[in-house]
Amino acid sequence: MSEQDVLIWLHDDSTVARSVSDLTGLAPLAAVGIVVLTVLLSLRRWRDALFFTAAVGVVWAVNPLLKQLFGRSRPELWPLPPEVSEYSFPSGHAANTAALVGALVLIAGRLPVLLLGAVLVLIAGWAQLALGRHYPTDVLAGWLWALTFVAVVRNVTKGGPG
């Protein structure tokens, strides 16, 4: 089954898919990120705040550069909205959501956060595929690079209490 076959099989231009895509865009994720950072700073969890800012911020800043570097065109199965960038690899929605969720999971260290986060990451990826905005490998690459980077930053910033 080709990547285009997968997109055709998953195609869903519903309000649900569009809403998920909107809610997992950078602006709503940034609002969540600001709340998380504010809580960490108010609790004086300096190391966790540094980790969160570095891990999530770098992924969010670098992903558009990676898109330019790879220059992979988006799928052309259905019309795309004009606000969507030209390139698709790696998926920004997938990377941005995975970075935020991955950092939260490592900070919280709780199974419910992991399970809820995994569902959110999967739903964000599904929406991009269902809307035909990304190939499956775009989403997978976004998840892999973001989660790898978050893990590396956590390893570097890990130490004494947060």
Protein backbone atom coordinates (compact mmCIF):
# COMPACT_ATOMS: atom_id res chain seq x y z
CA MET A 1 0.00 0.00 0.00
CA SER A 2 1.50 3.34 -1.03
CA GLU A 3 1.45 6.48 1.08
CA GLN A 4 -1.19 7.94 -1.24
CA ASP A 5 -3.32 4.82 -0.77
CA VAL A 6 -3.12 5.33 2.98
CA LEU A 7 -4.23 8.95 2.61
CA ILE A 8 -7.16 7.96 0.41
CA TRP A 9 -8.16 5.28 2.92
CA LEU A 10 -7.96 7.71 5.87
CA HIS A 11 -9.46 10.72 4.07
CA ASP A 12 -11.87 12.63 6.29
CA ASP A 13 -12.49 16.31 5.69
CA SER A 14 -14.85 16.48 8.64
CA THR A 15 -15.25 19.22 11.20
CA VAL A 16 -13.56 16.91 13.72
CA ALA A 17 -10.39 16.53 11.63
CA ARG A 18 -10.24 20.27 10.89
CA SER A 19 -10.84 21.13 14.56
CA VAL A 20 -8.10 18.77 15.72
CA SER A 21 -5.76 20.32 13.18
CA ASP A 22 -6.64 23.81 14.39
CA LEU A 23 -6.21 22.88 18.05
CA THR A 24 -2.83 21.27 17.44
CA GLY A 25 -1.49 24.22 15.49
CA LEU A 26 1.42 26.20 16.87
CA ALA A 27 -0.61 29.04 18.44
CA PRO A 28 -2.81 26.82 20.66
CA LEU A 29 0.20 24.66 21.57
CA ALA A 30 2.18 27.80 22.43
CA ALA A 31 -0.62 28.91 24.76
CA VAL A 32 -0.41 25.55 26.55
CA GLY A 33 3.37 25.85 26.62
CA ILE A 34 3.18 29.29 28.26
CA VAL A 35 0.85 27.93 30.94
CA VAL A 36 3.17 24.98 31.60
CA LEU A 37 6.23 27.23 31.79
CA THR A 38 4.43 29.66 34.10
CA VAL A 39 3.47 26.81 36.45
CA LEU A 40 7.01 25.42 36.45
CA LEU A 41 8.48 28.84 37.20
CA SER A 42 5.94 29.57 39.95
CA LEU A 43 6.86 26.23 41.55
CA ARG A 44 10.54 27.18 41.23
CA ARG A 45 11.26 24.09 39.17
CA TRP A 46 14.08 25.84 37.34
CA ARG A 47 15.68 22.77 35.77
CA ASP A 48 12.33 21.51 34.47
CA ALA A 49 11.52 24.98 33.12
CA LEU A 50 14.89 25.09 31.33
CA PHE A 51 14.37 21.59 29.95
CA PHE A 52 10.83 22.36 28.80
CA THR A 53 11.83 25.63 27.12
CA ALA A 54 14.87 24.15 25.38
CA ALA A 55 13.25 20.93 24.24
CA VAL A 56 9.96 22.34 23.02
CA GLY A 57 11.28 25.70 21.82
CA VAL A 58 14.03 24.24 19.64
CA VAL A 59 11.70 21.72 18.01
CA TRP A 60 9.18 24.45 17.26
CA ALA A 61 11.85 26.78 15.87
CA VAL A 62 13.80 24.20 13.86
CA ASN A 63 10.94 22.29 12.22
CA PRO A 64 10.22 25.00 9.59
CA LEU A 65 13.93 25.01 8.74
CA LEU A 66 13.86 21.23 8.28
CA LYS A 67 10.91 21.60 5.91
CA GLN A 68 12.93 24.04 3.80
CA LEU A 69 15.97 21.78 3.92
CA PHE A 70 14.11 18.68 2.74
CA GLY A 71 11.76 20.54 0.39
CA ARG A 72 9.25 17.69 0.07
CA SER A 73 6.03 18.84 -1.57
CA ARG A 74 2.73 18.18 0.13
CA PRO A 75 0.30 15.56 -1.16
CA GLU A 76 -1.86 16.90 -3.96
CA LEU A 77 -4.89 14.66 -3.56
CA TRP A 78 -7.23 17.39 -2.31
CA PRO A 79 -7.07 21.19 -2.24
CA LEU A 80 -5.06 22.53 0.68
CA PRO A 81 -5.90 25.71 2.58
CA PRO A 82 -3.77 28.72 1.62
CA GLU A 83 -2.26 29.07 5.10
CA VAL A 84 -0.54 25.67 4.83
CA SER A 85 3.17 25.93 4.09
CA GLU A 86 4.57 24.64 0.82
CA TYR A 87 6.55 21.75 2.25
CA SER A 88 5.46 18.75 4.27
CA PHE A 89 8.50 16.93 5.71
CA PRO A 90 8.60 16.66 8.68
CA SER A 91 5.07 17.41 9.86
CA GLY A 92 5.02 20.45 12.10
CA HIS A 93 1.79 19.41 13.78
CA ALA A 94 3.28 16.01 14.58
CA ALA A 95 6.64 17.37 15.76
CA ASN A 96 5.20 20.26 17.76
CA THR A 97 2.62 18.12 19.52
CA ALA A 98 5.12 15.33 20.22
CA ALA A 99 7.65 17.80 21.66
CA LEU A 100 5.10 19.37 23.99
CA VAL A 101 3.62 16.05 25.11
CA GLY A 102 7.01 14.34 25.39
CA ALA A 103 8.36 17.11 27.60
CA LEU A 104 5.25 17.06 29.78
CA VAL A 105 5.43 13.30 30.17
CA LEU A 106 9.08 13.46 31.24
CA ILE A 107 8.37 16.26 33.72
CA ALA A 108 5.22 14.71 35.19
CA GLY A 109 6.43 11.11 35.17
CA ARG A 110 2.87 9.82 35.53
CA LEU A 111 1.16 7.07 33.57
CA PRO A 112 -2.10 9.05 33.01
CA VAL A 113 -0.09 11.89 31.44
CA LEU A 114 1.66 9.38 29.18
CA LEU A 115 -1.61 7.74 28.10
CA LEU A 116 -3.47 11.02 27.52
CA GLY A 117 -0.45 12.46 25.73
CA ALA A 118 -0.11 9.42 23.47
CA VAL A 119 -3.77 9.74 22.48
CA LEU A 120 -3.31 13.46 21.73
CA VAL A 121 -0.20 12.83 19.61
CA LEU A 122 -1.94 10.05 17.66
CA ILE A 123 -5.06 12.14 17.07
CA ALA A 124 -2.96 15.10 15.88
CA GLY A 125 -1.17 12.83 13.40
CA TRP A 126 -4.45 11.26 12.24
CA ALA A 127 -5.93 14.69 11.51
CA GLN A 128 -3.01 15.66 9.27
CA LEU A 129 -3.29 12.39 7.34
CA ALA A 130 -7.11 12.49 7.16
CA LEU A 131 -7.01 16.02 5.75
CA GLY A 132 -4.38 14.97 3.20
CA ARG A 133 -1.88 17.59 4.39
CA HIS A 134 0.96 15.14 5.05
CA TYR A 135 2.23 11.75 3.98
CA PRO A 136 2.48 9.11 6.73
CA THR A 137 6.28 9.39 6.68
CA ASP A 138 6.01 13.15 7.31
CA VAL A 139 4.05 12.48 10.49
CA LEU A 140 6.31 9.63 11.58
CA ALA A 141 9.42 11.76 10.99
CA GLY A 142 7.92 14.63 12.99
CA TRP A 143 7.21 12.34 15.92
CA LEU A 144 10.61 10.63 15.81
CA TRP A 145 12.77 13.70 15.53
CA ALA A 146 10.83 15.64 18.18
CA LEU A 147 10.75 12.82 20.72
CA THR A 148 14.42 12.04 20.12
CA PHE A 149 15.39 15.67 20.62
CA VAL A 150 13.26 15.94 23.78
CA ALA A 151 14.94 12.82 25.18
CA VAL A 152 18.41 14.17 24.41
CA VAL A 153 17.67 17.52 26.02
CA ARG A 154 16.23 15.77 29.09
CA ASN A 155 19.41 13.72 29.39
CA VAL A 156 21.53 16.86 29.18
CA THR A 157 19.44 18.88 31.67
CA LYS A 158 18.83 16.00 34.06
CA GLY A 159 20.49 16.24 37.37
CA GLY A 160 19.38 17.25 40.81
CA PRO A 161 15.80 18.19 41.71
CA GLY A 162 13.81 20.17 39.11
